[in-house]
């Protein structure tokens, strides 16, 4: 029989810090001694959506372009650790504790 337990706040904070430092899911999982699938489920469960910033008419003039961040297309599927995080004009997802 499996023995499950909840992630603590410290574990969640370590996941967020690891993502901000561009660590891989497996590296984060080894550091907090959890399964990589638990880390991915935690990210998926607690990511927060942010709308693009409306500077001028960027969204209106570029309606034919994909306005989601390229980091969302690959693991870990959040924009934590992105260099242009504060001025990004695209749809983005973050993991916040």
PDB file of N, CA and C in Angstrom:
ATOM      1  N   UNK A   1       0.836  -1.170   0.000  1.00  0.00           N
ATOM      2  CA  UNK A   1       0.000   0.000   0.000  1.00  0.00           C
ATOM      3  C   UNK A   1       0.890   1.246   0.000  1.00  0.00           C
ATOM      4  N   UNK A   2       0.535   2.217  -0.808  1.00  0.00           N
ATOM      5  CA  UNK A   2       1.330   3.429  -0.930  1.00  0.00           C
ATOM      6  C   UNK A   2       1.128   4.339   0.274  1.00  0.00           C
ATOM      7  N   UNK A   3       2.161   5.109   0.582  1.00  0.00           N
ATOM      8  CA  UNK A   3       2.115   6.029   1.698  1.00  0.00           C
ATOM      9  C   UNK A   3       2.202   7.454   1.145  1.00  0.00           C
ATOM     10  N   UNK A   4       1.087   8.163   1.087  1.00  0.00           N
ATOM     11  CA  UNK A   4       1.028   9.493   0.511  1.00  0.00           C
ATOM     12  C   UNK A   4       0.995  10.549   1.610  1.00  0.00           C
ATOM     13  N   UNK A   5       1.557  11.717   1.301  1.00  0.00           N
ATOM     14  CA  UNK A   5       1.451  12.849   2.215  1.00  0.00           C
ATOM     15  C   UNK A   5       1.442  14.137   1.402  1.00  0.00           C
ATOM     16  N   UNK A   6       0.912  15.179   1.986  1.00  0.00           N
ATOM     17  CA  UNK A   6       0.824  16.467   1.319  1.00  0.00           C
ATOM     18  C   UNK A   6       2.197  17.122   1.248  1.00  0.00           C
ATOM     19  N   UNK A   7       2.352  17.995   0.284  1.00  0.00           N
ATOM     20  CA  UNK A   7       3.569  18.787   0.216  1.00  0.00           C
ATOM     21  C   UNK A   7       3.480  19.919   1.228  1.00  0.00           C
ATOM     22  N   UNK A   8       4.568  20.180   1.895  1.00  0.00           N
ATOM     23  CA  UNK A   8       4.586  21.269   2.866  1.00  0.00           C
ATOM     24  C   UNK A   8       4.803  22.596   2.141  1.00  0.00           C
ATOM     25  N   UNK A   9       4.627  23.681   2.869  1.00  0.00           N
ATOM     26  CA  UNK A   9       4.868  25.007   2.288  1.00  0.00           C
ATOM     27  C   UNK A   9       6.334  25.140   1.870  1.00  0.00           C
ATOM     28  N   UNK A  10       7.248  24.570   2.653  1.00  0.00           N
ATOM     29  CA  UNK A  10       8.670  24.620   2.315  1.00  0.00           C
ATOM     30  C   UNK A  10       8.942  23.895   1.004  1.00  0.00           C
ATOM     31  N   UNK A  11       8.270  22.748   0.787  1.00  0.00           N
ATOM     32  CA  UNK A  11       8.422  22.022  -0.472  1.00  0.00           C
ATOM     33  C   UNK A  11       7.915  22.865  -1.644  1.00  0.00           C
ATOM     34  N   UNK A  12       6.774  23.499  -1.473  1.00  0.00           N
ATOM     35  CA  UNK A  12       6.220  24.345  -2.533  1.00  0.00           C
ATOM     36  C   UNK A  12       7.130  25.538  -2.823  1.00  0.00           C
ATOM     37  N   UNK A  13       7.689  26.115  -1.774  1.00  0.00           N
ATOM     38  CA  UNK A  13       8.610  27.241  -1.943  1.00  0.00           C
ATOM     39  C   UNK A  13       9.887  26.782  -2.647  1.00  0.00           C
ATOM     40  N   UNK A  14      10.378  25.586  -2.320  1.00  0.00           N
ATOM     41  CA  UNK A  14      11.559  25.037  -2.994  1.00  0.00           C
ATOM     42  C   UNK A  14      11.283  24.771  -4.466  1.00  0.00           C
ATOM     43  N   UNK A  15      10.070  24.331  -4.794  1.00  0.00           N
ATOM     44  CA  UNK A  15       9.694  24.126  -6.198  1.00  0.00           C
ATOM     45  C   UNK A  15       9.698  25.459  -6.933  1.00  0.00           C
ATOM     46  N   UNK A  16       9.086  26.479  -6.345  1.00  0.00           N
ATOM     47  CA  UNK A  16       9.055  27.796  -6.979  1.00  0.00           C
ATOM     48  C   UNK A  16      10.467  28.364  -7.153  1.00  0.00           C
ATOM     49  N   UNK A  17      11.303  28.241  -6.123  1.00  0.00           N
ATOM     50  CA  UNK A  17      12.675  28.734  -6.215  1.00  0.00           C
ATOM     51  C   UNK A  17      13.465  27.989  -7.282  1.00  0.00           C
ATOM     52  N   UNK A  18      13.266  26.682  -7.371  1.00  0.00           N
ATOM     53  CA  UNK A  18      13.941  25.893  -8.400  1.00  0.00           C
ATOM     54  C   UNK A  18      13.524  26.301  -9.799  1.00  0.00           C
ATOM     55  N   UNK A  19      12.244  26.566  -9.993  1.00  0.00           N
ATOM     56  CA  UNK A  19      11.763  27.017 -11.301  1.00  0.00           C
ATOM     57  C   UNK A  19      12.315  28.397 -11.640  1.00  0.00           C
ATOM     58  N   UNK A  20      12.414  29.271 -10.630  1.00  0.00           N
ATOM     59  CA  UNK A  20      12.971  30.600 -10.860  1.00  0.00           C
ATOM     60  C   UNK A  20      14.455  30.542 -11.222  1.00  0.00           C
ATOM     61  N   UNK A  21      15.147  29.493 -10.792  1.00  0.00           N
ATOM     62  CA  UNK A  21      16.565  29.304 -11.110  1.00  0.00           C
ATOM     63  C   UNK A  21      16.765  28.439 -12.357  1.00  0.00           C
ATOM     64  N   UNK A  22      15.694  28.155 -13.091  1.00  0.00           N
ATOM     65  CA  UNK A  22      15.715  27.352 -14.323  1.00  0.00           C
ATOM     66  C   UNK A  22      16.236  25.932 -14.105  1.00  0.00           C
ATOM     67  N   UNK A  23      15.935  25.354 -12.964  1.00  0.00           N
ATOM     68  CA  UNK A  23      16.297  23.960 -12.713  1.00  0.00           C
ATOM     69  C   UNK A  23      15.275  23.049 -13.367  1.00  0.00           C
ATOM     70  N   UNK A  24      15.685  21.838 -13.704  1.00  0.00           N
ATOM     71  CA  UNK A  24      14.767  20.886 -14.316  1.00  0.00           C
ATOM     72  C   UNK A  24      13.869  20.274 -13.249  1.00  0.00           C
ATOM     73  N   UNK A  25      12.801  19.646 -13.703  1.00  0.00           N
ATOM     74  CA  UNK A  25      11.860  18.995 -12.784  1.00  0.00           C
ATOM     75  C   UNK A  25      12.573  17.894 -12.002  1.00  0.00           C
ATOM     76  N   UNK A  26      13.424  17.134 -12.674  1.00  0.00           N
ATOM     77  CA  UNK A  26      14.138  16.055 -11.996  1.00  0.00           C
ATOM     78  C   UNK A  26      15.107  16.584 -10.943  1.00  0.00           C
ATOM     79  N   UNK A  27      15.779  17.695 -11.208  1.00  0.00           N
ATOM     80  CA  UNK A  27      16.670  18.281 -10.212  1.00  0.00           C
ATOM     81  C   UNK A  27      15.893  18.726  -8.981  1.00  0.00           C
ATOM     82  N   UNK A  28      14.759  19.363  -9.198  1.00  0.00           N
ATOM     83  CA  UNK A  28      13.927  19.821  -8.080  1.00  0.00           C
ATOM     84  C   UNK A  28      13.419  18.620  -7.281  1.00  0.00           C
ATOM     85  N   UNK A  29      12.994  17.572  -7.984  1.00  0.00           N
ATOM     86  CA  UNK A  29      12.472  16.378  -7.323  1.00  0.00           C
ATOM     87  C   UNK A  29      13.540  15.720  -6.444  1.00  0.00           C
ATOM     88  N   UNK A  30      14.772  15.668  -6.921  1.00  0.00           N
ATOM     89  CA  UNK A  30      15.851  15.082  -6.118  1.00  0.00           C
ATOM     90  C   UNK A  30      16.162  15.933  -4.894  1.00  0.00           C
ATOM     91  N   UNK A  31      16.103  17.262  -5.050  1.00  0.00           N
ATOM     92  CA  UNK A  31      16.412  18.146  -3.929  1.00  0.00           C
ATOM     93  C   UNK A  31      15.403  18.024  -2.798  1.00  0.00           C
ATOM     94  N   UNK A  32      14.124  17.876  -3.129  1.00  0.00           N
ATOM     95  CA  UNK A  32      13.113  17.799  -2.066  1.00  0.00           C
ATOM     96  C   UNK A  32      12.661  16.364  -1.798  1.00  0.00           C
ATOM     97  N   UNK A  33      13.311  15.399  -2.458  1.00  0.00           N
ATOM     98  CA  UNK A  33      13.062  13.974  -2.231  1.00  0.00           C
ATOM     99  C   UNK A  33      11.610  13.593  -2.504  1.00  0.00           C
ATOM    100  N   UNK A  34      11.115  14.016  -3.669  1.00  0.00           N
ATOM    101  CA  UNK A  34       9.766  13.690  -4.128  1.00  0.00           C
ATOM    102  C   UNK A  34       9.827  13.161  -5.552  1.00  0.00           C
ATOM    103  N   UNK A  35       8.744  12.588  -6.002  1.00  0.00           N
ATOM    104  CA  UNK A  35       8.640  12.094  -7.364  1.00  0.00           C
ATOM    105  C   UNK A  35       8.498  13.266  -8.334  1.00  0.00           C
ATOM    106  N   UNK A  36       9.045  13.114  -9.560  1.00  0.00           N
ATOM    107  CA  UNK A  36       8.911  14.186 -10.551  1.00  0.00           C
ATOM    108  C   UNK A  36       7.457  14.385 -10.960  1.00  0.00           C
ATOM    109  N   UNK A  37       6.660  13.331 -10.901  1.00  0.00           N
ATOM    110  CA  UNK A  37       5.244  13.479 -11.233  1.00  0.00           C
ATOM    111  C   UNK A  37       4.510  14.299 -10.173  1.00  0.00           C
ATOM    112  N   UNK A  38       4.937  14.204  -8.926  1.00  0.00           N
ATOM    113  CA  UNK A  38       4.347  15.037  -7.871  1.00  0.00           C
ATOM    114  C   UNK A  38       4.657  16.504  -8.116  1.00  0.00           C
ATOM    115  N   UNK A  39       5.857  16.787  -8.578  1.00  0.00           N
ATOM    116  CA  UNK A  39       6.257  18.159  -8.869  1.00  0.00           C
ATOM    117  C   UNK A  39       5.422  18.700 -10.027  1.00  0.00           C
ATOM    118  N   UNK A  40       5.273  17.909 -11.089  1.00  0.00           N
ATOM    119  CA  UNK A  40       4.483  18.343 -12.239  1.00  0.00           C
ATOM    120  C   UNK A  40       3.016  18.562 -11.863  1.00  0.00           C
ATOM    121  N   UNK A  41       2.455  17.685 -11.036  1.00  0.00           N
ATOM    122  CA  UNK A  41       1.073  17.857 -10.594  1.00  0.00           C
ATOM    123  C   UNK A  41       0.915  19.120  -9.753  1.00  0.00           C
ATOM    124  N   UNK A  42       1.891  19.389  -8.914  1.00  0.00           N
ATOM    125  CA  UNK A  42       1.841  20.596  -8.087  1.00  0.00           C
ATOM    126  C   UNK A  42       1.912  21.854  -8.949  1.00  0.00           C
ATOM    127  N   UNK A  43       2.746  21.842  -9.968  1.00  0.00           N
ATOM    128  CA  UNK A  43       2.840  22.980 -10.887  1.00  0.00           C
ATOM    129  C   UNK A  43       1.527  23.152 -11.622  1.00  0.00           C
ATOM    130  N   UNK A  44       0.979  22.071 -12.135  1.00  0.00           N
ATOM    131  CA  UNK A  44      -0.265  22.139 -12.898  1.00  0.00           C
ATOM    132  C   UNK A  44      -1.432  22.610 -12.028  1.00  0.00           C
ATOM    133  N   UNK A  45      -1.444  22.208 -10.783  1.00  0.00           N
ATOM    134  CA  UNK A  45      -2.540  22.544  -9.878  1.00  0.00           C
ATOM    135  C   UNK A  45      -2.490  23.999  -9.427  1.00  0.00           C
ATOM    136  N   UNK A  46      -1.303  24.586  -9.332  1.00  0.00           N
ATOM    137  CA  UNK A  46      -1.162  25.901  -8.710  1.00  0.00           C
ATOM    138  C   UNK A  46      -0.618  26.988  -9.633  1.00  0.00           C
ATOM    139  N   UNK A  47      -0.649  26.788 -10.932  1.00  0.00           N
ATOM    140  CA  UNK A  47      -0.166  27.848 -11.810  1.00  0.00           C
ATOM    141  C   UNK A  47      -1.237  28.915 -11.980  1.00  0.00           C
ATOM    142  N   UNK A  48      -0.777  30.145 -12.160  1.00  0.00           N
ATOM    143  CA  UNK A  48      -1.658  31.303 -12.241  1.00  0.00           C
ATOM    144  C   UNK A  48      -1.509  31.948 -13.608  1.00  0.00           C
ATOM    145  N   UNK A  49      -2.639  32.291 -14.233  1.00  0.00           N
ATOM    146  CA  UNK A  49      -2.660  32.879 -15.561  1.00  0.00           C
ATOM    147  C   UNK A  49      -2.576  34.402 -15.469  1.00  0.00           C
ATOM    148  N   UNK A  50      -1.753  35.008 -16.333  1.00  0.00           N
ATOM    149  CA  UNK A  50      -1.649  36.455 -16.433  1.00  0.00           C
ATOM    150  C   UNK A  50      -1.963  36.887 -17.851  1.00  0.00           C
ATOM    151  N   UNK A  51      -2.803  37.910 -17.977  1.00  0.00           N
ATOM    152  CA  UNK A  51      -3.156  38.485 -19.281  1.00  0.00           C
ATOM    153  C   UNK A  51      -1.977  39.269 -19.838  1.00  0.00           C
ATOM    154  N   UNK A  52      -1.897  39.394 -21.163  1.00  0.00           N
ATOM    155  CA  UNK A  52      -0.858  40.238 -21.747  1.00  0.00           C
ATOM    156  C   UNK A  52      -1.076  41.699 -21.375  1.00  0.00           C
ATOM    157  N   UNK A  53       0.028  42.412 -21.238  1.00  0.00           N
ATOM    158  CA  UNK A  53      -0.077  43.841 -20.963  1.00  0.00           C
ATOM    159  C   UNK A  53      -0.514  44.545 -22.231  1.00  0.00           C
ATOM    160  N   UNK A  54      -1.328  45.555 -22.114  1.00  0.00           N
ATOM    161  CA  UNK A  54      -1.885  46.282 -23.246  1.00  0.00           C
ATOM    162  C   UNK A  54      -1.101  47.566 -23.497  1.00  0.00           C
ATOM    163  N   UNK A  55       0.083  47.459 -24.085  1.00  0.00           N
ATOM    164  CA  UNK A  55       0.842  48.644 -24.476  1.00  0.00           C
ATOM    165  C   UNK A  55       0.390  49.038 -25.869  1.00  0.00           C
ATOM    166  N   UNK A  56      -0.283  50.144 -25.982  1.00  0.00           N
ATOM    167  CA  UNK A  56      -0.804  50.558 -27.278  1.00  0.00           C
ATOM    168  C   UNK A  56      -1.871  49.582 -27.725  1.00  0.00           C
ATOM    169  N   UNK A  57      -1.719  49.081 -28.918  1.00  0.00           N
ATOM    170  CA  UNK A  57      -2.703  48.137 -29.465  1.00  0.00           C
ATOM    171  C   UNK A  57      -2.017  46.851 -29.907  1.00  0.00           C
ATOM    172  N   UNK A  58      -1.037  46.381 -29.141  1.00  0.00           N
ATOM    173  CA  UNK A  58      -0.276  45.188 -29.505  1.00  0.00           C
ATOM    174  C   UNK A  58      -1.188  43.998 -29.749  1.00  0.00           C
ATOM    175  N   UNK A  59      -2.103  43.725 -28.818  1.00  0.00           N
ATOM    176  CA  UNK A  59      -2.977  42.566 -28.942  1.00  0.00           C
ATOM    177  C   UNK A  59      -3.950  42.740 -30.104  1.00  0.00           C
ATOM    178  N   UNK A  60      -4.453  43.944 -30.314  1.00  0.00           N
ATOM    179  CA  UNK A  60      -5.410  44.187 -31.391  1.00  0.00           C
ATOM    180  C   UNK A  60      -4.769  44.103 -32.774  1.00  0.00           C
ATOM    181  N   UNK A  61      -3.542  44.603 -32.920  1.00  0.00           N
ATOM    182  CA  UNK A  61      -2.868  44.580 -34.219  1.00  0.00           C
ATOM    183  C   UNK A  61      -2.261  43.230 -34.550  1.00  0.00           C
ATOM    184  N   UNK A  62      -2.065  42.379 -33.572  1.00  0.00           N
ATOM    185  CA  UNK A  62      -1.425  41.085 -33.773  1.00  0.00           C
ATOM    186  C   UNK A  62      -2.374  39.940 -33.475  1.00  0.00           C
ATOM    187  N   UNK A  63      -3.625  40.068 -33.863  1.00  0.00           N
ATOM    188  CA  UNK A  63      -4.620  39.039 -33.555  1.00  0.00           C
ATOM    189  C   UNK A  63      -4.349  37.733 -34.286  1.00  0.00           C
ATOM    190  N   UNK A  64      -3.591  37.773 -35.397  1.00  0.00           N
ATOM    191  CA  UNK A  64      -3.304  36.552 -36.143  1.00  0.00           C
ATOM    192  C   UNK A  64      -2.097  35.797 -35.592  1.00  0.00           C
ATOM    193  N   UNK A  65      -1.358  36.391 -34.673  1.00  0.00           N
ATOM    194  CA  UNK A  65      -0.181  35.747 -34.098  1.00  0.00           C
ATOM    195  C   UNK A  65      -0.541  35.022 -32.808  1.00  0.00           C
ATOM    196  N   UNK A  66       0.265  34.025 -32.498  1.00  0.00           N
ATOM    197  CA  UNK A  66       0.105  33.329 -31.223  1.00  0.00           C
ATOM    198  C   UNK A  66       0.694  34.212 -30.129  1.00  0.00           C
ATOM    199  N   UNK A  67      -0.105  34.618 -29.173  1.00  0.00           N
ATOM    200  CA  UNK A  67       0.379  35.530 -28.145  1.00  0.00           C
ATOM    201  C   UNK A  67       0.673  34.816 -26.832  1.00  0.00           C
ATOM    202  N   UNK A  68       0.887  33.501 -26.867  1.00  0.00           N
ATOM    203  CA  UNK A  68       1.278  32.789 -25.654  1.00  0.00           C
ATOM    204  C   UNK A  68       2.797  32.640 -25.642  1.00  0.00           C
ATOM    205  N   UNK A  69       3.352  32.613 -24.470  1.00  0.00           N
ATOM    206  CA  UNK A  69       4.794  32.522 -24.287  1.00  0.00           C
ATOM    207  C   UNK A  69       5.314  31.179 -24.818  1.00  0.00           C
ATOM    208  N   UNK A  70       6.501  31.197 -25.412  1.00  0.00           N
ATOM    209  CA  UNK A  70       7.094  29.968 -25.964  1.00  0.00           C
ATOM    210  C   UNK A  70       7.483  28.984 -24.867  1.00  0.00           C
ATOM    211  N   UNK A  71       7.707  29.475 -23.659  1.00  0.00           N
ATOM    212  CA  UNK A  71       8.071  28.585 -22.554  1.00  0.00           C
ATOM    213  C   UNK A  71       6.925  27.677 -22.136  1.00  0.00           C
ATOM    214  N   UNK A  72       5.695  28.016 -22.533  1.00  0.00           N
ATOM    215  CA  UNK A  72       4.537  27.201 -22.164  1.00  0.00           C
ATOM    216  C   UNK A  72       4.420  25.942 -23.003  1.00  0.00           C
ATOM    217  N   UNK A  73       5.177  25.858 -24.088  1.00  0.00           N
ATOM    218  CA  UNK A  73       5.089  24.708 -24.986  1.00  0.00           C
ATOM    219  C   UNK A  73       5.930  23.526 -24.514  1.00  0.00           C
ATOM    220  N   UNK A  74       6.803  23.739 -23.534  1.00  0.00           N
ATOM    221  CA  UNK A  74       7.655  22.648 -23.055  1.00  0.00           C
ATOM    222  C   UNK A  74       7.701  22.646 -21.530  1.00  0.00           C
ATOM    223  N   UNK A  75       8.155  21.556 -20.983  1.00  0.00           N
ATOM    224  CA  UNK A  75       8.197  21.396 -19.535  1.00  0.00           C
ATOM    225  C   UNK A  75       9.075  22.472 -18.918  1.00  0.00           C
ATOM    226  N   UNK A  76       8.680  23.046 -17.848  1.00  0.00           N
ATOM    227  CA  UNK A  76       7.637  22.787 -16.870  1.00  0.00           C
ATOM    228  C   UNK A  76       6.324  23.521 -17.126  1.00  0.00           C
ATOM    229  N   UNK A  77       6.158  24.127 -18.296  1.00  0.00           N
ATOM    230  CA  UNK A  77       4.893  24.748 -18.716  1.00  0.00           C
ATOM    231  C   UNK A  77       4.524  25.992 -17.904  1.00  0.00           C
ATOM    232  N   UNK A  78       5.510  26.676 -17.339  1.00  0.00           N
ATOM    233  CA  UNK A  78       5.314  27.949 -16.652  1.00  0.00           C
ATOM    234  C   UNK A  78       6.447  28.898 -17.042  1.00  0.00           C
ATOM    235  N   UNK A  79       6.243  30.181 -16.821  1.00  0.00           N
ATOM    236  CA  UNK A  79       7.210  31.204 -17.224  1.00  0.00           C
ATOM    237  C   UNK A  79       8.160  31.603 -16.096  1.00  0.00           C
ATOM    238  N   UNK A  80       8.198  30.879 -15.004  1.00  0.00           N
ATOM    239  CA  UNK A  80       9.142  31.188 -13.937  1.00  0.00           C
ATOM    240  C   UNK A  80      10.553  31.047 -14.494  1.00  0.00           C
ATOM    241  N   UNK A  81      11.436  31.962 -14.125  1.00  0.00           N
ATOM    242  CA  UNK A  81      12.818  31.905 -14.569  1.00  0.00           C
ATOM    243  C   UNK A  81      13.069  32.588 -15.893  1.00  0.00           C
ATOM    244  N   UNK A  82      12.055  33.168 -16.505  1.00  0.00           N
ATOM    245  CA  UNK A  82      12.207  33.852 -17.787  1.00  0.00           C
ATOM    246  C   UNK A  82      12.912  35.186 -17.566  1.00  0.00           C
ATOM    247  N   UNK A  83      13.836  35.533 -18.468  1.00  0.00           N
ATOM    248  CA  UNK A  83      14.570  36.789 -18.340  1.00  0.00           C
ATOM    249  C   UNK A  83      13.675  37.998 -18.574  1.00  0.00           C
ATOM    250  N   UNK A  84      12.716  37.884 -19.467  1.00  0.00           N
ATOM    251  CA  UNK A  84      11.846  39.020 -19.782  1.00  0.00           C
ATOM    252  C   UNK A  84      10.509  38.917 -19.059  1.00  0.00           C
ATOM    253  N   UNK A  85      10.532  38.390 -17.865  1.00  0.00           N
ATOM    254  CA  UNK A  85       9.316  38.130 -17.094  1.00  0.00           C
ATOM    255  C   UNK A  85       8.517  39.397 -16.790  1.00  0.00           C
ATOM    256  N   UNK A  86       9.184  40.467 -16.410  1.00  0.00           N
ATOM    257  CA  UNK A  86       8.454  41.658 -15.978  1.00  0.00           C
ATOM    258  C   UNK A  86       7.859  42.449 -17.139  1.00  0.00           C
ATOM    259  N   UNK A  87       8.466  42.423 -18.313  1.00  0.00           N
ATOM    260  CA  UNK A  87       7.962  43.209 -19.425  1.00  0.00           C
ATOM    261  C   UNK A  87       7.341  42.381 -20.526  1.00  0.00           C
ATOM    262  N   UNK A  88       7.001  41.156 -20.249  1.00  0.00           N
ATOM    263  CA  UNK A  88       6.452  40.263 -21.265  1.00  0.00           C
ATOM    264  C   UNK A  88       5.061  40.716 -21.691  1.00  0.00           C
ATOM    265  N   UNK A  89       4.815  40.725 -22.984  1.00  0.00           N
ATOM    266  CA  UNK A  89       3.515  41.136 -23.522  1.00  0.00           C
ATOM    267  C   UNK A  89       2.695  39.940 -23.993  1.00  0.00           C
ATOM    268  N   UNK A  90       3.050  38.761 -23.561  1.00  0.00           N
ATOM    269  CA  UNK A  90       2.352  37.557 -24.002  1.00  0.00           C
ATOM    270  C   UNK A  90       1.587  36.928 -22.848  1.00  0.00           C
ATOM    271  N   UNK A  91       0.692  36.011 -23.182  1.00  0.00           N
ATOM    272  CA  UNK A  91      -0.009  35.262 -22.147  1.00  0.00           C
ATOM    273  C   UNK A  91       1.000  34.383 -21.432  1.00  0.00           C
ATOM    274  N   UNK A  92       0.903  34.340 -20.106  1.00  0.00           N
ATOM    275  CA  UNK A  92       1.891  33.586 -19.363  1.00  0.00           C
ATOM    276  C   UNK A  92       1.261  32.919 -18.135  1.00  0.00           C
ATOM    277  N   UNK A  93       1.954  31.900 -17.656  1.00  0.00           N
ATOM    278  CA  UNK A  93       1.539  31.162 -16.463  1.00  0.00           C
ATOM    279  C   UNK A  93       2.715  31.155 -15.486  1.00  0.00           C
ATOM    280  N   UNK A  94       2.433  31.376 -14.215  1.00  0.00           N
ATOM    281  CA  UNK A  94       3.454  31.354 -13.173  1.00  0.00           C
ATOM    282  C   UNK A  94       3.033  30.444 -12.050  1.00  0.00           C
ATOM    283  N   UNK A  95       4.019  29.878 -11.387  1.00  0.00           N
ATOM    284  CA  UNK A  95       3.774  29.149 -10.148  1.00  0.00           C
ATOM    285  C   UNK A  95       4.137  30.093  -9.020  1.00  0.00           C
ATOM    286  N   UNK A  96       3.165  30.435  -8.202  1.00  0.00           N
ATOM    287  CA  UNK A  96       3.380  31.324  -7.069  1.00  0.00           C
ATOM    288  C   UNK A  96       2.902  30.633  -5.801  1.00  0.00           C
ATOM    289  N   UNK A  97       3.683  30.743  -4.748  1.00  0.00           N
ATOM    290  CA  UNK A  97       3.294  30.148  -3.455  1.00  0.00           C
ATOM    291  C   UNK A  97       2.411  31.076  -2.681  1.00  0.00           C
TER     292      UNK A  97
END
